[in-house]
Protein backbone atom coordinates (compact mmCIF):
# COMPACT_ATOMS: atom_id res chain seq x y z
CA MET A 1 28.62 -28.62 22.52
CA PRO A 2 24.89 -28.12 23.26
CA ASP A 3 22.82 -31.27 23.71
CA GLN A 4 21.04 -32.06 20.42
CA HIS A 5 17.92 -33.10 22.29
CA ILE A 6 17.75 -29.67 23.93
CA LEU A 7 18.25 -27.94 20.58
CA ARG A 8 15.49 -29.97 18.96
CA ALA A 9 13.15 -29.23 21.86
CA PHE A 10 13.90 -25.51 21.56
CA ASP A 11 13.21 -25.54 17.83
CA ARG A 12 9.95 -27.40 18.37
CA ASP A 13 8.81 -24.95 21.05
CA LEU A 14 9.76 -21.99 18.89
CA GLU A 15 7.83 -23.39 15.93
CA GLU A 16 4.74 -23.68 18.11
CA ILE A 17 5.06 -20.06 19.20
CA GLN A 18 5.55 -18.91 15.61
CA ALA A 19 2.47 -20.88 14.57
CA ARG A 20 0.49 -18.94 17.17
CA ILE A 21 1.90 -15.67 15.83
CA MET A 22 0.70 -16.50 12.33
CA LYS A 23 -2.72 -17.51 13.64
CA MET A 24 -2.94 -14.27 15.59
CA GLY A 25 -1.88 -12.31 12.51
CA GLY A 26 -4.59 -13.99 10.43
CA LEU A 27 -7.23 -13.04 13.01
CA VAL A 28 -6.06 -9.43 12.99
CA GLU A 29 -6.09 -9.30 9.19
CA ALA A 30 -9.68 -10.56 9.23
CA ALA A 31 -10.64 -8.06 11.95
CA ILE A 32 -9.31 -5.14 9.89
CA LEU A 33 -11.22 -6.12 6.77
CA GLU A 34 -14.42 -7.15 8.55
CA SER A 35 -14.60 -3.97 10.62
CA ALA A 36 -14.27 -1.89 7.45
CA ARG A 37 -16.89 -4.04 5.70
CA ALA A 38 -19.26 -3.63 8.64
CA LEU A 39 -18.93 0.15 8.30
CA ARG A 40 -19.48 0.15 4.55
CA GLN A 41 -22.49 -2.19 4.75
CA ARG A 42 -23.78 -0.61 7.97
CA ASP A 43 -24.00 -4.09 9.46
CA PRO A 44 -24.27 -4.13 13.28
CA ALA A 45 -24.17 -7.94 13.47
CA LEU A 46 -20.83 -8.05 11.64
CA ALA A 47 -19.49 -5.26 13.84
CA GLU A 48 -20.44 -7.29 16.91
CA GLU A 49 -18.62 -10.33 15.48
CA VAL A 50 -15.45 -8.22 15.21
CA ARG A 51 -15.82 -7.12 18.82
CA ARG A 52 -16.25 -10.70 20.04
CA ALA A 53 -13.33 -11.97 17.94
CA ASP A 54 -10.96 -9.63 19.74
CA LYS A 55 -11.06 -11.95 22.77
CA ALA A 56 -9.37 -14.69 20.74
CA ILE A 57 -6.63 -12.25 19.72
CA ASP A 58 -6.06 -11.30 23.36
CA ARG A 59 -5.89 -14.95 24.39
CA LEU A 60 -3.28 -15.72 21.77
CA GLU A 61 -1.09 -12.87 22.94
CA GLU A 62 -1.26 -14.22 26.49
CA GLU A 63 -0.37 -17.73 25.29
CA ILE A 64 2.55 -16.43 23.22
CA ASN A 65 3.95 -14.40 26.11
CA GLU A 66 3.61 -17.34 28.51
CA GLU A 67 5.30 -19.75 26.11
CA ALA A 68 8.05 -17.26 25.30
CA ALA A 69 8.74 -16.68 29.01
CA ARG A 70 8.88 -20.43 29.58
CA LEU A 71 11.24 -20.85 26.65
CA LEU A 72 13.58 -18.15 27.97
CA ALA A 73 13.58 -19.68 31.45
CA LEU A 74 14.08 -23.32 30.46
CA ARG A 75 16.12 -23.27 27.27
CA GLN A 76 18.49 -20.33 27.81
CA PRO A 77 18.72 -19.58 24.08
CA ALA A 78 21.83 -18.35 22.31
CA ALA A 79 22.01 -14.78 21.01
CA SER A 80 20.29 -15.34 17.64
CA ASP A 81 17.55 -17.49 19.15
CA LEU A 82 17.07 -14.97 21.95
CA ARG A 83 16.53 -12.30 19.31
CA THR A 84 13.85 -14.47 17.73
CA VAL A 85 11.99 -14.95 21.00
CA LEU A 86 12.11 -11.22 21.82
CA THR A 87 10.90 -10.39 18.31
CA VAL A 88 7.95 -12.75 18.72
CA ILE A 89 6.93 -11.07 21.99
CA ARG A 90 7.07 -7.61 20.41
CA ILE A 91 5.15 -8.68 17.30
CA ALA A 92 2.44 -10.21 19.49
CA GLY A 93 2.10 -6.91 21.34
CA ASP A 94 1.68 -4.96 18.09
CA LEU A 95 -0.89 -7.45 16.81
CA GLU A 96 -2.88 -7.25 20.06
CA ARG A 97 -3.01 -3.45 19.80
CA MET A 98 -4.17 -3.67 16.20
CA GLY A 99 -6.96 -5.98 17.33
CA ASP A 100 -8.00 -3.33 19.85
CA TYR A 101 -8.16 -0.71 17.11
CA ALA A 102 -10.30 -2.99 14.93
CA LYS A 103 -12.63 -3.45 17.90
CA ASN A 104 -12.82 0.34 18.24
CA LEU A 105 -13.83 0.59 14.58
CA ALA A 106 -16.63 -1.88 15.21
CA LYS A 107 -17.85 0.04 18.26
CA ARG A 108 -18.05 3.31 16.35
CA THR A 109 -19.71 1.59 13.40
CA VAL A 110 -22.64 0.60 15.61
CA VAL A 111 -23.04 4.27 16.59
CA LEU A 112 -22.66 5.54 13.02
CA ILE A 113 -25.40 3.27 11.72
CA GLU A 114 -27.91 5.45 13.59
CA MET A 115 -26.61 8.63 11.92
CA PRO A 116 -26.91 10.07 8.39
CA ARG A 117 -24.50 8.50 5.91
CA VAL A 118 -21.47 10.60 4.87
CA GLU A 119 -21.18 9.79 1.19
CA GLY A 120 -17.87 8.32 0.06
CA ALA A 121 -16.38 8.07 3.54
CA ALA A 122 -16.92 4.35 4.10
CA GLY A 123 -15.37 3.46 0.73
CA ALA A 124 -12.31 5.60 1.42
CA ILE A 125 -11.89 4.06 4.86
CA ARG A 126 -12.22 0.57 3.38
CA ARG A 127 -9.41 1.33 0.89
CA MET A 128 -7.23 2.58 3.73
CA ALA A 129 -7.99 -0.52 5.81
CA LYS A 130 -7.21 -2.78 2.83
CA GLU A 131 -3.82 -1.13 2.42
CA VAL A 132 -2.98 -1.71 6.09
CA GLU A 133 -4.19 -5.32 5.90
CA GLN A 134 -1.94 -5.96 2.88
CA MET A 135 0.99 -4.36 4.69
CA LEU A 136 0.38 -6.67 7.64
CA LYS A 137 0.21 -9.72 5.40
CA ASP A 138 3.54 -8.75 3.80
CA ALA A 139 5.14 -7.99 7.18
CA LEU A 140 4.20 -11.44 8.48
CA ASP A 141 5.46 -13.03 5.26
CA ALA A 142 8.73 -11.12 5.73
CA TYR A 143 8.97 -12.50 9.25
CA MET A 144 8.46 -16.11 8.19
CA ARG A 145 10.88 -15.75 5.26
CA ARG A 146 13.37 -13.62 7.22
CA ASP A 147 13.17 -11.12 4.34
CA ALA A 148 14.56 -7.75 5.42
CA ALA A 149 14.00 -6.22 1.97
CA LEU A 150 10.28 -6.99 2.05
CA ALA A 151 10.10 -5.65 5.61
CA GLU A 152 11.72 -2.40 4.48
CA ASP A 153 9.21 -2.15 1.63
CA VAL A 154 6.38 -2.45 4.17
CA ARG A 155 8.04 0.20 6.30
CA GLN A 156 8.17 2.65 3.40
CA ARG A 157 4.52 2.03 2.47
CA ASP A 158 3.33 3.47 5.78
CA LEU A 159 3.68 6.88 4.15
CA GLU A 160 0.81 6.00 1.79
CA VAL A 161 -1.43 5.24 4.77
CA ASP A 162 -0.48 8.56 6.38
CA GLN A 163 -1.33 10.39 3.16
CA MET A 164 -4.69 8.65 2.89
CA TYR A 165 -5.46 9.62 6.46
CA THR A 166 -4.47 13.25 5.86
CA ALA A 167 -6.74 13.46 2.82
CA LEU A 168 -9.66 12.01 4.79
CA PHE A 169 -9.08 14.35 7.71
CA ARG A 170 -9.24 17.37 5.42
CA GLU A 171 -12.35 16.03 3.71
CA PHE A 172 -14.12 15.57 7.04
CA LEU A 173 -13.22 19.12 8.05
CA THR A 174 -14.79 20.41 4.84
CA PHE A 175 -17.97 18.40 5.43
CA MET A 176 -18.27 19.71 8.98
CA MET A 177 -17.80 23.34 7.93
CA GLU A 178 -20.37 23.01 5.14
CA ASP A 179 -23.05 21.30 7.24
CA PRO A 180 -23.04 21.35 11.08
CA ARG A 181 -25.32 18.28 11.06
CA ARG A 182 -22.36 16.27 9.81
CA ILE A 183 -20.09 17.19 12.71
CA THR A 184 -20.91 14.18 14.91
CA PRO A 185 -20.71 11.47 12.20
CA CYS A 186 -17.57 13.05 10.76
CA MET A 187 -15.92 13.06 14.17
CA HIS A 188 -16.63 9.33 14.54
CA LEU A 189 -15.32 8.71 11.03
CA HIS A 190 -12.21 10.73 11.80
CA PHE A 191 -11.47 8.60 14.85
CA ILE A 192 -11.96 5.46 12.75
CA ALA A 193 -9.49 6.77 10.14
CA LYS A 194 -7.04 7.68 12.90
CA ASN A 195 -7.26 4.18 14.36
CA ILE A 196 -6.46 2.69 10.95
CA GLU A 197 -3.50 5.07 10.61
CA ARG A 198 -2.24 3.86 13.97
CA MET A 199 -2.63 0.27 12.80
CA GLY A 200 -0.23 1.21 10.01
CA ASP A 201 2.25 2.39 12.63
CA HIS A 202 2.03 -0.98 14.40
CA VAL A 203 2.58 -2.85 11.13
CA THR A 204 5.64 -0.69 10.61
CA ASN A 205 6.84 -1.66 14.07
CA ILE A 206 6.50 -5.31 13.05
CA ALA A 207 8.49 -4.66 9.87
CA GLU A 208 11.24 -3.00 11.90
CA GLN A 209 11.34 -5.99 14.25
CA VAL A 210 11.85 -8.25 11.23
CA ILE A 211 14.75 -6.08 10.08
CA TYR A 212 16.21 -6.30 13.60
CA LEU A 213 15.74 -10.07 13.61
CA VAL A 214 17.52 -10.52 10.27
CA THR A 215 20.30 -7.94 10.62
CA GLY A 216 20.71 -7.57 14.38
CA GLU A 217 20.13 -3.82 14.09
CA MET A 218 17.12 -1.53 14.01
CA PRO A 219 16.78 0.71 10.92
CA ASP A 220 18.96 3.81 11.19
CA GLU A 221 16.72 6.17 9.22
CA ALA A 222 13.45 7.43 10.65
CA ARG A 223 10.43 6.03 8.85
CA PRO A 224 8.80 8.45 6.35
CA LYS A 225 5.79 10.25 7.81
CA ALA A 226 3.20 12.70 6.53
CA THR A 227 3.51 15.40 9.18
CA ASP A 228 1.89 18.43 7.58
CA ILE A 229 -1.08 18.32 10.00
CA ALA A 230 -1.41 17.40 13.64
CA PRO A 231 -4.99 16.22 14.30
CA PRO A 232 -6.24 15.31 17.79
CA SER A 233 -5.81 11.93 19.45
CA ALA A 234 -8.18 9.08 18.60
CA GLY A 235 -8.69 8.23 22.26
CA GLY A 236 -8.60 4.92 24.09
CA ALA A 237 -10.15 1.55 23.44
């Protein structure tokens, strides 16, 4: 029978890692909303705050990975606990990438401030960002509650984000065809929308990890996707 002291120490260490995950998730949620608000308000100072805040997100991922590696080496967890540790590492990776995308939004916002406003675009992007932020909040709640049904609901909602992105992409194409002066700002806005769509994919990854954690299996069915267009890549960080 495992030593109770060792089990208690493992649980305590795991709780500390999970606390870091929730802190990291809160920072990413804030980064998503603040980057969208910076775009809508054309606020370079707020955009710069988002860029600086990404360093804290990166640090937390490093801390989580280091603690998880230490836990695996020292505690030799049983199968279910091992699944929890691996899930934490994967969730941290998805959160870190989402932080990078929020930073990209902030970078492009600073550039867009110097260009003519594309009416309606910032509001539409903010709605898309809000949807992704709510999905992330629910995915993290599903993780803490070990709620596979809520995680599956988040997974299904990614289709709404894809549809919002598709509608924006088509709108930007129309703007660019009608007025060549809008080509550059619309391209930046397109990349911002694409980054938010990719954030939705990472939230869906988190939801699938929760399902794996609870059931021991990844979802069998492919997630629903809006695949009627194939726009170009949004590029790197």
